[in-house]
Amino acid sequence: MCFGRAHAALPGHTPVIVQADGDGRRAIQNHELDKERDALRRLQAQEGAGGADAQLAVNRHQSNIRALEAELQRLPASVRRQP
């Protein structure tokens, strides 16, 4: 195994950078948004999940959700997920 080494260092390998198109970006953002919402629900469902650490985690997930929702709003209407 090769830890910490990029595959580009291998002879004959040319790295390819691929950017997602509008639909790909939407799919990625929606997937990330779903993961954040699920994580927040699980955290809130934990009994006895109190304290400063739990509140920081809740705040972080809420912030991530807001950021992802804002990013989705910036996508052209043709690539937004329909409700």
PDB file of N, CA and C in Angstrom:
ATOM      1  N   MET A   1       0.831  -1.180   0.000  1.00  0.00           N
ATOM      2  CA  MET A   1       0.000   0.000   0.000  1.00  0.00           C
ATOM      3  C   MET A   1       0.870   1.236   0.000  1.00  0.00           C
ATOM      4  N   CYS A   2       0.334   2.250  -0.579  1.00  0.00           N
ATOM      5  CA  CYS A   2       1.089   3.485  -0.709  1.00  0.00           C
ATOM      6  C   CYS A   2       0.307   4.587   0.003  1.00  0.00           C
ATOM      7  N   PHE A   3       0.723   4.932   1.190  1.00  0.00           N
ATOM      8  CA  PHE A   3       0.031   5.962   1.951  1.00  0.00           C
ATOM      9  C   PHE A   3       0.702   7.304   1.722  1.00  0.00           C
ATOM     10  N   GLY A   4      -0.099   8.313   1.498  1.00  0.00           N
ATOM     11  CA  GLY A   4       0.433   9.658   1.375  1.00  0.00           C
ATOM     12  C   GLY A   4       1.061   9.965   0.028  1.00  0.00           C
ATOM     13  N   ARG A   5       1.005   9.070  -0.904  1.00  0.00           N
ATOM     14  CA  ARG A   5       1.575   9.301  -2.234  1.00  0.00           C
ATOM     15  C   ARG A   5       0.438   9.454  -3.233  1.00  0.00           C
ATOM     16  N   ALA A   6       0.560  10.420  -4.090  1.00  0.00           N
ATOM     17  CA  ALA A   6      -0.444  10.612  -5.126  1.00  0.00           C
ATOM     18  C   ALA A   6      -0.191   9.631  -6.261  1.00  0.00           C
ATOM     19  N   HIS A   7      -1.258   9.169  -6.865  1.00  0.00           N
ATOM     20  CA  HIS A   7      -1.112   8.263  -7.993  1.00  0.00           C
ATOM     21  C   HIS A   7      -0.421   8.947  -9.161  1.00  0.00           C
ATOM     22  N   ALA A   8      -0.469  10.269  -9.211  1.00  0.00           N
ATOM     23  CA  ALA A   8       0.172  10.998 -10.298  1.00  0.00           C
ATOM     24  C   ALA A   8       1.672  10.753 -10.313  1.00  0.00           C
ATOM     25  N   ALA A   9       2.232  10.313  -9.201  1.00  0.00           N
ATOM     26  CA  ALA A   9       3.665  10.061  -9.132  1.00  0.00           C
ATOM     27  C   ALA A   9       4.047   8.780  -9.861  1.00  0.00           C
ATOM     28  N   LEU A  10       3.073   7.966 -10.200  1.00  0.00           N
ATOM     29  CA  LEU A  10       3.358   6.725 -10.902  1.00  0.00           C
ATOM     30  C   LEU A  10       3.697   7.023 -12.360  1.00  0.00           C
ATOM     31  N   PRO A  11       4.685   6.351 -12.910  1.00  0.00           N
ATOM     32  CA  PRO A  11       5.047   6.582 -14.313  1.00  0.00           C
ATOM     33  C   PRO A  11       3.881   6.238 -15.240  1.00  0.00           C
ATOM     34  N   GLY A  12       3.667   7.080 -16.210  1.00  0.00           N
ATOM     35  CA  GLY A  12       2.625   6.829 -17.193  1.00  0.00           C
ATOM     36  C   GLY A  12       1.223   7.177 -16.750  1.00  0.00           C
ATOM     37  N   HIS A  13       1.065   7.697 -15.562  1.00  0.00           N
ATOM     38  CA  HIS A  13      -0.268   8.050 -15.060  1.00  0.00           C
ATOM     39  C   HIS A  13      -0.449   9.558 -15.152  1.00  0.00           C
ATOM     40  N   THR A  14      -1.476   9.976 -15.832  1.00  0.00           N
ATOM     41  CA  THR A  14      -1.789  11.393 -15.952  1.00  0.00           C
ATOM     42  C   THR A  14      -3.032  11.675 -15.129  1.00  0.00           C
ATOM     43  N   PRO A  15      -2.924  12.564 -14.152  1.00  0.00           N
ATOM     44  CA  PRO A  15      -4.111  12.872 -13.347  1.00  0.00           C
ATOM     45  C   PRO A  15      -5.157  13.600 -14.184  1.00  0.00           C
ATOM     46  N   VAL A  16      -6.401  13.310 -13.893  1.00  0.00           N
ATOM     47  CA  VAL A  16      -7.507  13.942 -14.587  1.00  0.00           C
ATOM     48  C   VAL A  16      -8.378  14.616 -13.541  1.00  0.00           C
ATOM     49  N   ILE A  17      -8.636  15.881 -13.750  1.00  0.00           N
ATOM     50  CA  ILE A  17      -9.512  16.622 -12.846  1.00  0.00           C
ATOM     51  C   ILE A  17     -10.860  16.747 -13.532  1.00  0.00           C
ATOM     52  N   VAL A  18     -11.880  16.250 -12.857  1.00  0.00           N
ATOM     53  CA  VAL A  18     -13.222  16.266 -13.426  1.00  0.00           C
ATOM     54  C   VAL A  18     -14.093  17.147 -12.553  1.00  0.00           C
ATOM     55  N   GLN A  19     -14.785  18.067 -13.191  1.00  0.00           N
ATOM     56  CA  GLN A  19     -15.731  18.895 -12.453  1.00  0.00           C
ATOM     57  C   GLN A  19     -17.136  18.444 -12.814  1.00  0.00           C
ATOM     58  N   ALA A  20     -17.963  18.357 -11.815  1.00  0.00           N
ATOM     59  CA  ALA A  20     -19.339  17.924 -12.042  1.00  0.00           C
ATOM     60  C   ALA A  20     -20.104  18.988 -12.806  1.00  0.00           C
ATOM     61  N   ASP A  21     -20.992  18.541 -13.683  1.00  0.00           N
ATOM     62  CA  ASP A  21     -21.871  19.473 -14.362  1.00  0.00           C
ATOM     63  C   ASP A  21     -22.961  19.906 -13.383  1.00  0.00           C
ATOM     64  N   GLY A  22     -23.921  20.673 -13.846  1.00  0.00           N
ATOM     65  CA  GLY A  22     -24.970  21.170 -12.958  1.00  0.00           C
ATOM     66  C   GLY A  22     -25.724  20.071 -12.244  1.00  0.00           C
ATOM     67  N   ASP A  23     -26.093  19.029 -12.994  1.00  0.00           N
ATOM     68  CA  ASP A  23     -26.818  17.919 -12.370  1.00  0.00           C
ATOM     69  C   ASP A  23     -25.934  17.185 -11.375  1.00  0.00           C
ATOM     70  N   GLY A  24     -24.664  17.042 -11.703  1.00  0.00           N
ATOM     71  CA  GLY A  24     -23.730  16.382 -10.793  1.00  0.00           C
ATOM     72  C   GLY A  24     -23.532  17.175  -9.520  1.00  0.00           C
ATOM     73  N   ARG A  25     -23.400  18.494  -9.661  1.00  0.00           N
ATOM     74  CA  ARG A  25     -23.255  19.355  -8.472  1.00  0.00           C
ATOM     75  C   ARG A  25     -24.490  19.257  -7.595  1.00  0.00           C
ATOM     76  N   ARG A  26     -25.645  19.282  -8.233  1.00  0.00           N
ATOM     77  CA  ARG A  26     -26.896  19.184  -7.471  1.00  0.00           C
ATOM     78  C   ARG A  26     -26.956  17.861  -6.719  1.00  0.00           C
ATOM     79  N   ALA A  27     -26.608  16.786  -7.397  1.00  0.00           N
ATOM     80  CA  ALA A  27     -26.654  15.468  -6.763  1.00  0.00           C
ATOM     81  C   ALA A  27     -25.689  15.401  -5.584  1.00  0.00           C
ATOM     82  N   ILE A  28     -24.496  15.937  -5.764  1.00  0.00           N
ATOM     83  CA  ILE A  28     -23.506  15.938  -4.685  1.00  0.00           C
ATOM     84  C   ILE A  28     -24.000  16.769  -3.511  1.00  0.00           C
ATOM     85  N   GLN A  29     -24.498  17.974  -3.783  1.00  0.00           N
ATOM     86  CA  GLN A  29     -24.977  18.859  -2.718  1.00  0.00           C
ATOM     87  C   GLN A  29     -26.163  18.235  -1.989  1.00  0.00           C
ATOM     88  N   ASN A  30     -27.089  17.641  -2.741  1.00  0.00           N
ATOM     89  CA  ASN A  30     -28.250  17.008  -2.101  1.00  0.00           C
ATOM     90  C   ASN A  30     -27.833  15.821  -1.249  1.00  0.00           C
ATOM     91  N   HIS A  31     -26.861  15.055  -1.721  1.00  0.00           N
ATOM     92  CA  HIS A  31     -26.359  13.925  -0.941  1.00  0.00           C
ATOM     93  C   HIS A  31     -25.732  14.421   0.363  1.00  0.00           C
ATOM     94  N   GLU A  32     -24.906  15.455   0.266  1.00  0.00           N
ATOM     95  CA  GLU A  32     -24.275  16.014   1.463  1.00  0.00           C
ATOM     96  C   GLU A  32     -25.324  16.599   2.413  1.00  0.00           C
ATOM     97  N   LEU A  33     -26.331  17.262   1.860  1.00  0.00           N
ATOM     98  CA  LEU A  33     -27.400  17.831   2.675  1.00  0.00           C
ATOM     99  C   LEU A  33     -28.166  16.725   3.403  1.00  0.00           C
ATOM    100  N   ASP A  34     -28.480  15.650   2.702  1.00  0.00           N
ATOM    101  CA  ASP A  34     -29.168  14.517   3.337  1.00  0.00           C
ATOM    102  C   ASP A  34     -28.327  13.925   4.462  1.00  0.00           C
ATOM    103  N   LYS A  35     -27.015  13.797   4.240  1.00  0.00           N
ATOM    104  CA  LYS A  35     -26.128  13.256   5.276  1.00  0.00           C
ATOM    105  C   LYS A  35     -26.107  14.162   6.504  1.00  0.00           C
ATOM    106  N   GLU A  36     -26.035  15.472   6.302  1.00  0.00           N
ATOM    107  CA  GLU A  36     -26.024  16.407   7.434  1.00  0.00           C
ATOM    108  C   GLU A  36     -27.336  16.353   8.200  1.00  0.00           C
ATOM    109  N   ARG A  37     -28.451  16.308   7.480  1.00  0.00           N
ATOM    110  CA  ARG A  37     -29.761  16.237   8.144  1.00  0.00           C
ATOM    111  C   ARG A  37     -29.899  14.944   8.944  1.00  0.00           C
ATOM    112  N   ASP A  38     -29.450  13.834   8.360  1.00  0.00           N
ATOM    113  CA  ASP A  38     -29.500  12.552   9.078  1.00  0.00           C
ATOM    114  C   ASP A  38     -28.638  12.594  10.331  1.00  0.00           C
ATOM    115  N   ALA A  39     -27.446  13.153  10.214  1.00  0.00           N
ATOM    116  CA  ALA A  39     -26.541  13.242  11.364  1.00  0.00           C
ATOM    117  C   ALA A  39     -27.158  14.111  12.459  1.00  0.00           C
ATOM    118  N   LEU A  40     -27.793  15.206  12.067  1.00  0.00           N
ATOM    119  CA  LEU A  40     -28.436  16.087  13.044  1.00  0.00           C
ATOM    120  C   LEU A  40     -29.594  15.364  13.724  1.00  0.00           C
ATOM    121  N   ARG A  41     -30.404  14.646  12.950  1.00  0.00           N
ATOM    122  CA  ARG A  41     -31.528  13.892  13.546  1.00  0.00           C
ATOM    123  C   ARG A  41     -31.022  12.841  14.527  1.00  0.00           C
ATOM    124  N   ARG A  42     -29.975  12.124  14.145  1.00  0.00           N
ATOM    125  CA  ARG A  42     -29.423  11.102  15.046  1.00  0.00           C
ATOM    126  C   ARG A  42     -28.896  11.736  16.325  1.00  0.00           C
ATOM    127  N   LEU A  43     -28.229  12.858  16.190  1.00  0.00           N
ATOM    128  CA  LEU A  43     -27.676  13.541  17.354  1.00  0.00           C
ATOM    129  C   LEU A  43     -28.796  14.020  18.276  1.00  0.00           C
ATOM    130  N   GLN A  44     -29.842  14.586  17.691  1.00  0.00           N
ATOM    131  CA  GLN A  44     -30.952  15.088  18.493  1.00  0.00           C
ATOM    132  C   GLN A  44     -31.755  13.954  19.121  1.00  0.00           C
ATOM    133  N   ALA A  45     -31.734  12.771  18.512  1.00  0.00           N
ATOM    134  CA  ALA A  45     -32.501  11.636  19.027  1.00  0.00           C
ATOM    135  C   ALA A  45     -31.796  10.921  20.172  1.00  0.00           C
ATOM    136  N   GLN A  46     -30.512  11.182  20.338  1.00  0.00           N
ATOM    137  CA  GLN A  46     -29.770  10.515  21.407  1.00  0.00           C
ATOM    138  C   GLN A  46     -30.263  11.007  22.754  1.00  0.00           C
ATOM    139  N   GLU A  47     -30.614  10.050  23.599  1.00  0.00           N
ATOM    140  CA  GLU A  47     -31.047  10.422  24.938  1.00  0.00           C
ATOM    141  C   GLU A  47     -29.841  10.873  25.738  1.00  0.00           C
ATOM    142  N   GLY A  48     -30.024  11.909  26.474  1.00  0.00           N
ATOM    143  CA  GLY A  48     -28.941  12.418  27.306  1.00  0.00           C
ATOM    144  C   GLY A  48     -27.861  13.132  26.519  1.00  0.00           C
ATOM    145  N   ALA A  49     -28.174  13.487  25.277  1.00  0.00           N
ATOM    146  CA  ALA A  49     -27.176  14.191  24.461  1.00  0.00           C
ATOM    147  C   ALA A  49     -27.210  15.670  24.823  1.00  0.00           C
ATOM    148  N   GLY A  50     -26.677  15.965  25.977  1.00  0.00           N
ATOM    149  CA  GLY A  50     -26.632  17.345  26.416  1.00  0.00           C
ATOM    150  C   GLY A  50     -25.207  17.783  26.562  1.00  0.00           C
ATOM    151  N   GLY A  51     -25.047  18.941  27.088  1.00  0.00           N
ATOM    152  CA  GLY A  51     -23.701  19.421  27.325  1.00  0.00           C
ATOM    153  C   GLY A  51     -23.177  20.266  26.184  1.00  0.00           C
ATOM    154  N   ALA A  52     -22.041  20.850  26.442  1.00  0.00           N
ATOM    155  CA  ALA A  52     -21.442  21.789  25.496  1.00  0.00           C
ATOM    156  C   ALA A  52     -21.002  21.103  24.207  1.00  0.00           C
ATOM    157  N   ASP A  53     -20.429  19.907  24.311  1.00  0.00           N
ATOM    158  CA  ASP A  53     -19.964  19.207  23.109  1.00  0.00           C
ATOM    159  C   ASP A  53     -21.121  18.863  22.181  1.00  0.00           C
ATOM    160  N   ALA A  54     -22.218  18.396  22.759  1.00  0.00           N
ATOM    161  CA  ALA A  54     -23.387  18.057  21.952  1.00  0.00           C
ATOM    162  C   ALA A  54     -23.953  19.303  21.292  1.00  0.00           C
ATOM    163  N   GLN A  55     -23.982  20.413  22.019  1.00  0.00           N
ATOM    164  CA  GLN A  55     -24.511  21.647  21.445  1.00  0.00           C
ATOM    165  C   GLN A  55     -23.616  22.152  20.320  1.00  0.00           C
ATOM    166  N   LEU A  56     -22.310  22.019  20.480  1.00  0.00           N
ATOM    167  CA  LEU A  56     -21.390  22.408  19.409  1.00  0.00           C
ATOM    168  C   LEU A  56     -21.620  21.559  18.162  1.00  0.00           C
ATOM    169  N   ALA A  57     -21.851  20.272  18.354  1.00  0.00           N
ATOM    170  CA  ALA A  57     -22.107  19.382  17.218  1.00  0.00           C
ATOM    171  C   ALA A  57     -23.413  19.757  16.521  1.00  0.00           C
ATOM    172  N   VAL A  58     -24.453  20.040  17.297  1.00  0.00           N
ATOM    173  CA  VAL A  58     -25.735  20.466  16.727  1.00  0.00           C
ATOM    174  C   VAL A  58     -25.539  21.753  15.937  1.00  0.00           C
ATOM    175  N   ASN A  59     -24.844  22.714  16.527  1.00  0.00           N
ATOM    176  CA  ASN A  59     -24.601  23.988  15.845  1.00  0.00           C
ATOM    177  C   ASN A  59     -23.835  23.784  14.543  1.00  0.00           C
ATOM    178  N   ARG A  60     -22.835  22.881  14.571  1.00  0.00           N
ATOM    179  CA  ARG A  60     -22.037  22.619  13.371  1.00  0.00           C
ATOM    180  C   ARG A  60     -22.907  22.026  12.268  1.00  0.00           C
ATOM    181  N   HIS A  61     -23.750  21.048  12.618  1.00  0.00           N
ATOM    182  CA  HIS A  61     -24.618  20.441  11.612  1.00  0.00           C
ATOM    183  C   HIS A  61     -25.617  21.460  11.066  1.00  0.00           C
ATOM    184  N   GLN A  62     -26.177  22.286  11.942  1.00  0.00           N
ATOM    185  CA  GLN A  62     -27.119  23.306  11.487  1.00  0.00           C
ATOM    186  C   GLN A  62     -26.438  24.300  10.551  1.00  0.00           C
ATOM    187  N   SER A  63     -25.222  24.682  10.873  1.00  0.00           N
ATOM    188  CA  SER A  63     -24.464  25.596  10.024  1.00  0.00           C
ATOM    189  C   SER A  63     -24.173  24.957   8.665  1.00  0.00           C
ATOM    190  N   ASN A  64     -23.773  23.688   8.683  1.00  0.00           N
ATOM    191  CA  ASN A  64     -23.501  22.979   7.429  1.00  0.00           C
ATOM    192  C   ASN A  64     -24.758  22.873   6.572  1.00  0.00           C
ATOM    193  N   ILE A  65     -25.891  22.616   7.213  1.00  0.00           N
ATOM    194  CA  ILE A  65     -27.160  22.516   6.487  1.00  0.00           C
ATOM    195  C   ILE A  65     -27.498  23.850   5.842  1.00  0.00           C
ATOM    196  N   ARG A  66     -27.356  24.932   6.587  1.00  0.00           N
ATOM    197  CA  ARG A  66     -27.635  26.259   6.021  1.00  0.00           C
ATOM    198  C   ARG A  66     -26.721  26.559   4.837  1.00  0.00           C
ATOM    199  N   ALA A  67     -25.448  26.215   4.959  1.00  0.00           N
ATOM    200  CA  ALA A  67     -24.492  26.470   3.876  1.00  0.00           C
ATOM    201  C   ALA A  67     -24.840  25.650   2.633  1.00  0.00           C
ATOM    202  N   LEU A  68     -25.197  24.391   2.824  1.00  0.00           N
ATOM    203  CA  LEU A  68     -25.559  23.546   1.686  1.00  0.00           C
ATOM    204  C   LEU A  68     -26.849  24.026   1.028  1.00  0.00           C
ATOM    205  N   GLU A  69     -27.823  24.435   1.838  1.00  0.00           N
ATOM    206  CA  GLU A  69     -29.069  24.962   1.279  1.00  0.00           C
ATOM    207  C   GLU A  69     -28.803  26.235   0.486  1.00  0.00           C
ATOM    208  N   ALA A  70     -27.932  27.095   0.995  1.00  0.00           N
ATOM    209  CA  ALA A  70     -27.586  28.325   0.278  1.00  0.00           C
ATOM    210  C   ALA A  70     -26.881  27.995  -1.037  1.00  0.00           C
ATOM    211  N   GLU A  71     -25.995  27.029  -1.008  1.00  0.00           N
ATOM    212  CA  GLU A  71     -25.290  26.621  -2.229  1.00  0.00           C
ATOM    213  C   GLU A  71     -26.273  26.071  -3.260  1.00  0.00           C
ATOM    214  N   LEU A  72     -27.235  25.282  -2.805  1.00  0.00           N
ATOM    215  CA  LEU A  72     -28.248  24.760  -3.725  1.00  0.00           C
ATOM    216  C   LEU A  72     -29.076  25.885  -4.328  1.00  0.00           C
ATOM    217  N   GLN A  73     -29.348  26.918  -3.551  1.00  0.00           N
ATOM    218  CA  GLN A  73     -30.112  28.056  -4.066  1.00  0.00           C
ATOM    219  C   GLN A  73     -29.336  28.820  -5.131  1.00  0.00           C
ATOM    220  N   ARG A  74     -28.015  28.768  -5.065  1.00  0.00           N
ATOM    221  CA  ARG A  74     -27.194  29.464  -6.057  1.00  0.00           C
ATOM    222  C   ARG A  74     -27.114  28.711  -7.384  1.00  0.00           C
ATOM    223  N   LEU A  75     -27.466  27.427  -7.374  1.00  0.00           N
ATOM    224  CA  LEU A  75     -27.463  26.669  -8.621  1.00  0.00           C
ATOM    225  C   LEU A  75     -28.587  27.175  -9.518  1.00  0.00           C
ATOM    226  N   PRO A  76     -28.389  27.124 -10.817  1.00  0.00           N
ATOM    227  CA  PRO A  76     -29.476  27.516 -11.719  1.00  0.00           C
ATOM    228  C   PRO A  76     -30.721  26.676 -11.446  1.00  0.00           C
ATOM    229  N   ALA A  77     -31.876  27.277 -11.658  1.00  0.00           N
ATOM    230  CA  ALA A  77     -33.141  26.603 -11.351  1.00  0.00           C
ATOM    231  C   ALA A  77     -33.267  25.268 -12.069  1.00  0.00           C
ATOM    232  N   SER A  78     -32.673  25.145 -13.236  1.00  0.00           N
ATOM    233  CA  SER A  78     -32.803  23.907 -14.005  1.00  0.00           C
ATOM    234  C   SER A  78     -32.100  22.732 -13.348  1.00  0.00           C
ATOM    235  N   VAL A  79     -31.187  22.994 -12.404  1.00  0.00           N
ATOM    236  CA  VAL A  79     -30.468  21.889 -11.777  1.00  0.00           C
ATOM    237  C   VAL A  79     -30.817  21.718 -10.305  1.00  0.00           C
ATOM    238  N   ARG A  80     -31.778  22.462  -9.788  1.00  0.00           N
ATOM    239  CA  ARG A  80     -32.198  22.281  -8.399  1.00  0.00           C
ATOM    240  C   ARG A  80     -33.124  21.088  -8.290  1.00  0.00           C
ATOM    241  N   ARG A  81     -33.050  20.410  -7.158  1.00  0.00           N
ATOM    242  CA  ARG A  81     -33.945  19.269  -6.920  1.00  0.00           C
ATOM    243  C   ARG A  81     -35.353  19.809  -6.739  1.00  0.00           C
ATOM    244  N   GLN A  82     -36.279  19.169  -7.387  1.00  0.00           N
ATOM    245  CA  GLN A  82     -37.672  19.567  -7.260  1.00  0.00           C
ATOM    246  C   GLN A  82     -38.233  18.984  -5.970  1.00  0.00           C
ATOM    247  N   PRO A  83     -39.041  19.772  -5.234  1.00  0.00           N
ATOM    248  CA  PRO A  83     -39.600  19.273  -3.965  1.00  0.00           C
ATOM    249  C   PRO A  83     -40.541  18.110  -4.161  1.00  0.00           C
TER     250      PRO A  83
END
